[in-house]
Amino acid sequence: MTVSSQEDRASGPNAHALAARTQVVVQGDVAATRWLAVGSLLGLIILSLAWELWLAPLRPGGSWLALKALPLCIPLAGLLKRRMYTYRWVSLMVWIYFTEGVVRAWSDRPPGNWLAMVEIALCLALFTACAMHVRLRQRSARAARAASA
């Protein structure tokens, strides 16, 4: 398809209907990525607390390392309120927890190394959800601008 025929199709009478259909599909995907991001963030918070307090603490009776869950609580409100900026910086912050998971997966004994592997999986899910959420919202905004133009 040539560039001119793409432009004709995008600016023709069906452009608004195409943009509306794209908007509906994208909105469903945006909601799914939002809930995946919130779910994996909550999973990381619960895992961090349970890991350091009960499941495999560094010291018997729990450790102060459970405080690592506090920075994870900060972006929860922003994700629930659909703030794009929060999705962007969470996708960067999650790599700190991913790195901790990788280090502890190779250095801890069971069950600590298994918990670290769960942490790695949750971090990857959170990063993927945040990246896809931002990408889909930007695509949706572009489609809306194209439909209004």
Protein backbone atom coordinates (compact mmCIF):
# COMPACT_ATOMS: atom_id res chain seq x y z
CA MET A 1 0.00 0.00 0.00
CA THR A 2 1.36 3.39 -0.94
CA VAL A 3 1.62 6.35 1.37
CA SER A 4 -1.07 8.27 -0.49
CA SER A 5 -3.57 5.40 -0.27
CA GLN A 6 -2.87 5.10 3.46
CA GLU A 7 -3.54 8.82 3.87
CA ASP A 8 -6.75 8.53 1.83
CA ARG A 9 -7.95 5.65 3.97
CA ALA A 10 -7.05 7.48 7.20
CA SER A 11 -8.77 10.69 6.15
CA GLY A 12 -11.74 9.14 4.36
CA PRO A 13 -15.30 8.77 5.66
CA ASN A 14 -14.42 5.62 7.59
CA ALA A 15 -11.55 7.24 9.51
CA HIS A 16 -13.73 8.11 12.49
CA ALA A 17 -15.20 4.61 12.68
CA LEU A 18 -11.74 3.05 12.42
CA ALA A 19 -10.41 5.33 15.16
CA ALA A 20 -13.40 4.50 17.37
CA ARG A 21 -12.86 0.74 16.94
CA THR A 22 -9.15 1.16 17.66
CA GLN A 23 -10.02 3.24 20.73
CA VAL A 24 -12.28 0.49 22.14
CA VAL A 25 -9.66 -2.24 21.64
CA VAL A 26 -6.88 -0.08 23.05
CA GLN A 27 -8.97 0.91 26.09
CA GLY A 28 -9.57 -2.76 26.94
CA ASP A 29 -5.87 -3.49 26.63
CA VAL A 30 -5.01 -0.42 28.72
CA ALA A 31 -7.30 -1.65 31.50
CA ALA A 32 -5.69 -5.09 31.38
CA THR A 33 -2.18 -3.66 31.63
CA ARG A 34 -3.29 -1.41 34.48
CA TRP A 35 -4.60 -4.33 36.49
CA LEU A 36 -1.52 -6.42 35.70
CA ALA A 37 0.69 -3.57 36.92
CA VAL A 38 -1.33 -3.07 40.12
CA GLY A 39 -1.50 -6.82 40.76
CA SER A 40 2.21 -7.41 40.30
CA LEU A 41 3.04 -4.37 42.45
CA LEU A 42 0.78 -5.68 45.22
CA GLY A 43 2.40 -9.09 44.77
CA LEU A 44 5.84 -7.54 45.22
CA ILE A 45 4.72 -5.72 48.38
CA ILE A 46 3.22 -8.86 49.90
CA LEU A 47 6.20 -10.99 48.87
CA SER A 48 8.69 -8.50 50.34
CA LEU A 49 6.90 -8.42 53.68
CA ALA A 50 6.26 -12.15 53.90
CA TRP A 51 9.78 -13.02 52.76
CA GLU A 52 11.59 -10.86 55.30
CA LEU A 53 9.21 -11.36 58.22
CA TRP A 54 8.10 -15.01 58.05
CA LEU A 55 9.11 -17.14 55.07
CA ALA A 56 12.90 -16.78 54.89
CA PRO A 57 14.15 -13.81 56.94
CA LEU A 58 17.85 -13.03 57.08
CA ARG A 59 17.69 -13.33 60.88
CA PRO A 60 15.29 -15.50 62.89
CA GLY A 61 12.20 -13.57 63.92
CA GLY A 62 12.30 -11.21 60.96
CA SER A 63 14.65 -8.52 59.70
CA TRP A 64 14.65 -4.83 58.99
CA LEU A 65 14.98 -5.67 55.32
CA ALA A 66 11.18 -5.83 55.30
CA LEU A 67 11.31 -2.05 54.98
CA LYS A 68 12.16 -2.57 51.32
CA ALA A 69 8.40 -2.86 50.79
CA LEU A 70 7.83 0.79 51.74
CA PRO A 71 9.08 2.33 48.46
CA LEU A 72 6.76 -0.04 46.62
CA CYS A 73 3.75 1.43 48.44
CA ILE A 74 4.42 4.95 47.11
CA PRO A 75 3.44 4.36 43.46
CA LEU A 76 0.33 2.31 44.26
CA ALA A 77 -1.96 5.36 44.40
CA GLY A 78 -0.54 6.73 41.14
CA LEU A 79 -1.14 3.44 39.35
CA LEU A 80 -4.70 3.27 40.63
CA LYS A 81 -5.32 6.88 39.54
CA ARG A 82 -3.89 6.11 36.06
CA ARG A 83 -1.09 8.68 36.24
CA MET A 84 1.13 8.20 33.22
CA TYR A 85 4.17 9.63 34.99
CA THR A 86 3.87 6.98 37.72
CA TYR A 87 3.83 4.16 35.18
CA ARG A 88 6.98 5.58 33.62
CA TRP A 89 9.05 5.89 36.80
CA VAL A 90 7.83 2.58 38.24
CA SER A 91 9.13 0.86 35.11
CA LEU A 92 12.56 2.22 36.04
CA MET A 93 12.38 1.66 39.81
CA VAL A 94 11.42 -1.99 39.42
CA TRP A 95 14.91 -2.83 38.16
CA ILE A 96 16.30 -2.28 41.67
CA TYR A 97 14.08 -5.09 42.96
CA PHE A 98 14.88 -7.21 39.91
CA THR A 99 18.59 -6.86 40.67
CA GLU A 100 18.03 -7.85 44.28
CA GLY A 101 16.08 -10.88 43.09
CA VAL A 102 18.82 -11.96 40.70
CA VAL A 103 21.54 -11.59 43.35
CA ARG A 104 19.55 -13.46 46.00
CA ALA A 105 18.45 -16.18 43.58
CA TRP A 106 22.10 -17.10 43.09
CA SER A 107 23.36 -16.47 46.64
CA ASP A 108 20.56 -17.57 49.01
CA ARG A 109 19.72 -21.11 49.98
CA PRO A 110 16.21 -22.52 49.58
CA PRO A 111 13.56 -21.25 50.21
CA GLY A 112 15.15 -17.80 49.82
CA ASN A 113 16.32 -18.47 46.29
CA TRP A 114 12.83 -19.64 45.27
CA LEU A 115 11.32 -16.48 46.69
CA ALA A 116 13.90 -14.48 44.75
CA MET A 117 12.80 -16.19 41.54
CA VAL A 118 9.21 -15.22 42.29
CA GLU A 119 10.42 -11.66 42.85
CA ILE A 120 12.15 -11.73 39.46
CA ALA A 121 8.95 -12.92 37.76
CA LEU A 122 6.85 -10.23 39.46
CA CYS A 123 9.36 -7.54 38.48
CA LEU A 124 9.30 -8.64 34.86
CA ALA A 125 5.49 -8.67 34.88
CA LEU A 126 5.40 -5.19 36.42
CA PHE A 127 7.89 -3.78 33.92
CA THR A 128 6.06 -5.32 30.97
CA ALA A 129 2.68 -4.08 32.20
CA CYS A 130 3.97 -0.54 32.76
CA ALA A 131 5.74 -0.38 29.41
CA MET A 132 2.70 -1.71 27.54
CA HIS A 133 0.36 0.61 29.45
CA VAL A 134 2.37 3.69 28.44
CA ARG A 135 2.68 2.49 24.86
CA LEU A 136 -1.04 1.73 24.48
CA ARG A 137 -2.12 5.03 26.04
CA GLN A 138 0.15 6.94 23.69
CA ARG A 139 -1.25 4.99 20.73
CA SER A 140 -4.77 5.77 21.95
CA ALA A 141 -3.96 9.47 22.23
CA ARG A 142 -2.54 9.47 18.69
CA ALA A 143 -5.66 7.74 17.35
CA ALA A 144 -7.88 10.27 19.11
CA ARG A 145 -5.88 13.16 17.64
CA ALA A 146 -6.08 11.62 14.18
CA ALA A 147 -9.84 11.16 14.49
CA SER A 148 -10.38 14.76 15.58
CA ALA A 149 -8.16 16.18 12.84
